[in-house]
N, C-alpha and C. Protein backbone atom coordinates (compact mmCIF):
# COMPACT_ATOMS: atom_id res chain seq x y z
N MET A 1 57.18 71.31 45.76
CA MET A 1 58.31 70.46 45.51
C MET A 1 59.03 70.25 46.84
N LYS A 2 59.32 69.00 47.16
CA LYS A 2 60.05 68.68 48.34
C LYS A 2 61.37 68.00 47.96
N ILE A 3 62.49 68.53 48.41
CA ILE A 3 63.80 67.94 48.07
C ILE A 3 64.32 67.22 49.30
N THR A 4 64.65 65.93 49.11
CA THR A 4 65.28 65.13 50.17
C THR A 4 66.74 64.86 49.84
N LEU A 5 67.63 65.25 50.72
CA LEU A 5 69.07 65.04 50.51
C LEU A 5 69.44 63.61 50.85
N LEU A 6 69.95 62.86 49.85
CA LEU A 6 70.29 61.47 50.09
C LEU A 6 71.80 61.32 50.37
N ASN A 7 72.65 62.14 49.77
CA ASN A 7 74.06 62.10 49.97
C ASN A 7 74.67 63.47 49.74
N SER A 8 75.17 64.05 50.82
CA SER A 8 75.69 65.46 50.76
C SER A 8 77.19 65.52 50.47
N GLU A 9 77.88 64.41 50.49
CA GLU A 9 79.34 64.43 50.32
C GLU A 9 79.82 65.06 49.04
N PRO A 10 79.23 64.79 47.89
CA PRO A 10 79.74 65.34 46.62
C PRO A 10 79.51 66.83 46.46
N PHE A 11 78.64 67.43 47.29
CA PHE A 11 78.36 68.86 47.15
C PHE A 11 79.49 69.66 47.78
N VAL A 12 79.92 70.73 47.05
CA VAL A 12 81.02 71.55 47.55
C VAL A 12 80.68 73.02 47.26
N SER A 13 81.35 73.89 48.00
CA SER A 13 81.27 75.31 47.70
C SER A 13 82.61 75.68 47.12
N TRP A 14 82.57 76.52 46.09
CA TRP A 14 83.76 77.00 45.41
C TRP A 14 83.54 78.45 45.08
N GLY A 15 84.19 79.36 45.77
CA GLY A 15 83.91 80.79 45.61
C GLY A 15 82.53 81.05 46.05
N ASN A 16 81.71 81.68 45.22
CA ASN A 16 80.32 81.98 45.48
C ASN A 16 79.36 80.87 44.99
N ALA A 17 79.92 79.87 44.38
CA ALA A 17 79.05 78.82 43.75
C ALA A 17 79.04 77.55 44.59
N ILE A 18 77.94 76.83 44.43
CA ILE A 18 77.81 75.48 45.01
C ILE A 18 77.76 74.50 43.86
N GLY A 19 78.54 73.45 43.93
CA GLY A 19 78.58 72.52 42.84
C GLY A 19 78.68 71.07 43.35
N ILE A 20 78.89 70.20 42.44
CA ILE A 20 79.01 68.74 42.74
C ILE A 20 80.34 68.22 42.19
N VAL A 21 81.06 67.49 42.97
CA VAL A 21 82.27 66.84 42.53
C VAL A 21 81.91 65.49 41.95
N LEU A 22 82.24 65.29 40.66
CA LEU A 22 81.92 64.03 39.97
C LEU A 22 83.15 63.53 39.22
N PHE A 23 83.22 62.20 39.06
CA PHE A 23 84.20 61.60 38.22
C PHE A 23 85.64 61.94 38.64
N SER A 24 85.86 62.01 39.99
CA SER A 24 87.17 62.25 40.54
C SER A 24 87.48 61.22 41.60
N ARG A 25 88.75 60.85 41.69
CA ARG A 25 89.13 59.96 42.79
C ARG A 25 89.51 60.73 44.04
N GLU A 26 89.43 60.10 45.19
CA GLU A 26 89.68 60.78 46.44
C GLU A 26 91.09 61.33 46.54
N ASN A 27 92.08 60.69 45.93
CA ASN A 27 93.46 61.18 46.06
C ASN A 27 93.88 62.15 44.95
N ASP A 28 92.93 62.54 44.09
CA ASP A 28 93.25 63.52 43.03
C ASP A 28 93.45 64.89 43.65
N ILE A 29 94.48 65.59 43.17
CA ILE A 29 94.76 66.97 43.63
C ILE A 29 93.72 67.96 43.01
N THR A 30 93.40 67.73 41.74
CA THR A 30 92.38 68.58 41.11
C THR A 30 91.17 67.67 40.85
N VAL A 31 89.99 68.28 40.96
CA VAL A 31 88.75 67.51 40.84
C VAL A 31 87.82 68.16 39.83
N ASN A 32 86.86 67.42 39.34
CA ASN A 32 85.84 67.91 38.42
C ASN A 32 84.66 68.45 39.20
N VAL A 33 84.43 69.75 39.10
CA VAL A 33 83.30 70.39 39.76
C VAL A 33 82.30 70.86 38.75
N PHE A 34 81.07 70.46 38.92
CA PHE A 34 79.96 70.82 38.04
C PHE A 34 79.09 71.80 38.81
N THR A 35 78.86 72.98 38.25
CA THR A 35 77.98 73.97 38.85
C THR A 35 76.77 74.18 37.99
N GLU A 36 76.06 75.29 38.24
CA GLU A 36 74.80 75.54 37.52
C GLU A 36 74.99 75.39 36.03
N ASP A 37 73.93 75.00 35.35
CA ASP A 37 73.92 74.79 33.93
C ASP A 37 74.96 73.76 33.46
N MET A 38 75.32 72.88 34.41
CA MET A 38 76.32 71.81 34.18
C MET A 38 77.65 72.32 33.68
N THR A 39 78.03 73.51 34.14
CA THR A 39 79.34 74.06 33.80
C THR A 39 80.40 73.23 34.49
N HIS A 40 81.43 72.83 33.78
CA HIS A 40 82.49 71.95 34.30
C HIS A 40 83.75 72.76 34.53
N ASN A 41 84.39 72.55 35.65
CA ASN A 41 85.66 73.22 35.98
C ASN A 41 86.58 72.18 36.64
N ARG A 42 87.85 72.28 36.33
CA ARG A 42 88.90 71.49 37.06
C ARG A 42 89.39 72.43 38.16
N VAL A 43 89.30 72.01 39.41
CA VAL A 43 89.61 72.87 40.54
C VAL A 43 90.53 72.15 41.49
N ASP A 44 91.44 72.88 42.04
CA ASP A 44 92.32 72.33 43.13
C ASP A 44 91.45 72.04 44.31
N ARG A 45 91.59 70.83 44.85
CA ARG A 45 90.76 70.37 45.93
C ARG A 45 90.88 71.29 47.17
N LYS A 46 92.00 71.95 47.33
CA LYS A 46 92.21 72.85 48.48
C LYS A 46 91.33 74.08 48.41
N GLU A 47 90.82 74.40 47.20
CA GLU A 47 89.99 75.58 47.01
C GLU A 47 88.50 75.34 47.39
N LEU A 48 88.21 74.09 47.66
CA LEU A 48 86.79 73.70 47.92
C LEU A 48 86.41 73.76 49.39
N GLY A 49 85.17 74.08 49.64
CA GLY A 49 84.64 74.03 51.01
C GLY A 49 83.34 73.20 51.03
N SER A 50 82.74 73.15 52.17
CA SER A 50 81.51 72.40 52.32
C SER A 50 80.40 73.42 52.60
N PRO A 51 79.36 73.39 51.77
CA PRO A 51 78.21 74.27 51.99
C PRO A 51 77.42 73.83 53.23
N SER A 52 76.78 74.75 53.93
CA SER A 52 75.91 74.34 55.04
C SER A 52 74.66 73.72 54.45
N TYR A 53 73.97 72.98 55.27
CA TYR A 53 72.71 72.32 54.84
C TYR A 53 71.74 73.35 54.29
N ASN A 54 71.59 74.47 55.01
CA ASN A 54 70.63 75.49 54.60
C ASN A 54 71.02 76.15 53.23
N GLU A 55 72.33 76.43 53.06
CA GLU A 55 72.79 77.01 51.80
C GLU A 55 72.55 76.03 50.68
N LEU A 56 72.84 74.77 50.91
CA LEU A 56 72.67 73.75 49.87
C LEU A 56 71.18 73.59 49.49
N MET A 57 70.28 73.53 50.44
CA MET A 57 68.89 73.39 50.12
C MET A 57 68.31 74.59 49.41
N ILE A 58 68.73 75.76 49.77
CA ILE A 58 68.32 77.00 49.06
C ILE A 58 68.79 76.94 47.63
N GLU A 59 70.09 76.58 47.47
CA GLU A 59 70.62 76.50 46.08
C GLU A 59 69.88 75.45 45.24
N LEU A 60 69.65 74.33 45.83
CA LEU A 60 68.91 73.26 45.08
C LEU A 60 67.49 73.70 44.72
N GLU A 61 66.90 74.46 45.59
CA GLU A 61 65.52 74.94 45.33
C GLU A 61 65.50 75.92 44.17
N HIS A 62 66.55 76.76 44.06
CA HIS A 62 66.52 77.84 43.05
C HIS A 62 67.35 77.52 41.82
N ASN A 63 68.25 76.58 41.86
CA ASN A 63 69.15 76.31 40.73
C ASN A 63 68.69 75.00 40.03
N GLU A 64 67.93 75.19 38.95
CA GLU A 64 67.32 74.04 38.23
C GLU A 64 68.40 73.09 37.67
N GLY A 65 69.46 73.67 37.13
CA GLY A 65 70.52 72.83 36.53
C GLY A 65 71.20 71.97 37.56
N LEU A 66 71.56 72.53 38.71
CA LEU A 66 72.20 71.77 39.77
C LEU A 66 71.24 70.72 40.31
N ARG A 67 69.97 71.09 40.47
CA ARG A 67 68.96 70.17 40.99
C ARG A 67 68.81 68.97 40.03
N TYR A 68 68.77 69.23 38.75
CA TYR A 68 68.67 68.15 37.75
C TYR A 68 69.88 67.24 37.82
N LEU A 69 71.05 67.80 37.88
CA LEU A 69 72.28 66.97 37.96
C LEU A 69 72.34 66.14 39.24
N ALA A 70 71.96 66.75 40.34
CA ALA A 70 71.93 66.06 41.62
C ALA A 70 70.95 64.92 41.64
N GLU A 71 69.79 65.13 41.02
CA GLU A 71 68.78 64.07 40.94
C GLU A 71 69.22 62.95 40.04
N GLU A 72 69.86 63.28 38.92
CA GLU A 72 70.37 62.25 37.96
C GLU A 72 71.46 61.44 38.59
N GLN A 73 72.26 62.01 39.49
CA GLN A 73 73.33 61.29 40.12
C GLN A 73 72.90 60.54 41.41
N GLY A 74 71.62 60.65 41.74
CA GLY A 74 71.06 59.99 42.90
C GLY A 74 71.47 60.58 44.22
N LEU A 75 71.76 61.92 44.20
CA LEU A 75 72.16 62.63 45.39
C LEU A 75 70.99 63.22 46.17
N ILE A 76 69.89 63.44 45.44
CA ILE A 76 68.67 63.98 46.04
C ILE A 76 67.47 63.20 45.45
N ALA A 77 66.35 63.31 46.19
CA ALA A 77 65.08 62.78 45.71
C ALA A 77 64.10 63.93 45.72
N ILE A 78 63.30 64.04 44.68
CA ILE A 78 62.32 65.13 44.60
C ILE A 78 60.93 64.56 44.53
N THR A 79 60.08 65.06 45.42
CA THR A 79 58.67 64.70 45.36
C THR A 79 57.87 65.94 45.12
N HIS A 80 56.92 65.87 44.27
CA HIS A 80 56.08 67.02 43.94
C HIS A 80 54.82 66.90 44.73
N GLN A 81 54.61 67.84 45.65
CA GLN A 81 53.45 67.81 46.48
C GLN A 81 52.35 68.74 45.90
N HIS A 82 51.21 68.17 45.70
CA HIS A 82 50.11 68.94 45.20
C HIS A 82 49.09 69.15 46.30
N THR A 83 49.49 69.88 47.31
CA THR A 83 48.69 70.14 48.50
C THR A 83 47.37 70.83 48.15
N ILE A 84 47.43 71.85 47.33
CA ILE A 84 46.24 72.62 46.99
C ILE A 84 45.24 71.72 46.28
N ASP A 85 45.71 70.91 45.37
CA ASP A 85 44.79 69.99 44.65
C ASP A 85 44.09 69.03 45.64
N PHE A 86 44.87 68.50 46.57
CA PHE A 86 44.34 67.59 47.56
C PHE A 86 43.33 68.32 48.46
N LEU A 87 43.65 69.56 48.87
CA LEU A 87 42.75 70.31 49.74
C LEU A 87 41.42 70.61 49.01
N GLU A 88 41.55 70.94 47.73
CA GLU A 88 40.34 71.20 46.95
C GLU A 88 39.50 69.93 46.85
N TYR A 89 40.17 68.80 46.63
CA TYR A 89 39.47 67.52 46.54
C TYR A 89 38.78 67.17 47.88
N ALA A 90 39.49 67.35 48.98
CA ALA A 90 38.91 67.10 50.28
C ALA A 90 37.78 68.05 50.64
N ALA A 91 37.89 69.27 50.26
CA ALA A 91 36.86 70.24 50.49
C ALA A 91 35.59 69.96 49.72
N SER A 92 35.71 69.31 48.60
CA SER A 92 34.56 68.99 47.76
C SER A 92 33.59 68.01 48.44
N TYR A 93 34.08 67.30 49.45
CA TYR A 93 33.25 66.34 50.18
C TYR A 93 32.57 66.95 51.37
N ASN A 94 32.86 68.20 51.75
CA ASN A 94 32.22 68.86 52.90
C ASN A 94 31.00 69.59 52.47
C-alpha cells in the first residue's frame, strides 16, 4: 500500500493523537477534530499542533480509521501495489 498525501492542512496533532479538522470555519475558536475510529471532539484551536510529515505517514499507515476518513475526504490517495504478484508474473517468462 502506498499513501500519497494530497492535502496536509486539515491534519493536526492533539495530545498524543493525530486527527483531522473537519466542518469548522477558520475563525472558529473551537474546532471539530476526528481521530481514530472517527471519534469526534470539540477542541480549542490553541491546543492543536501540526504533526511532522513522518509522524503523519506512520499514523496513516497504522491507523485504519484515520486512513479511511482521510481518503473519504480526499486528503490522501491510496494505491495498492502488488509487487510480489508482478515479480512472480515476470519470473514466469524467464
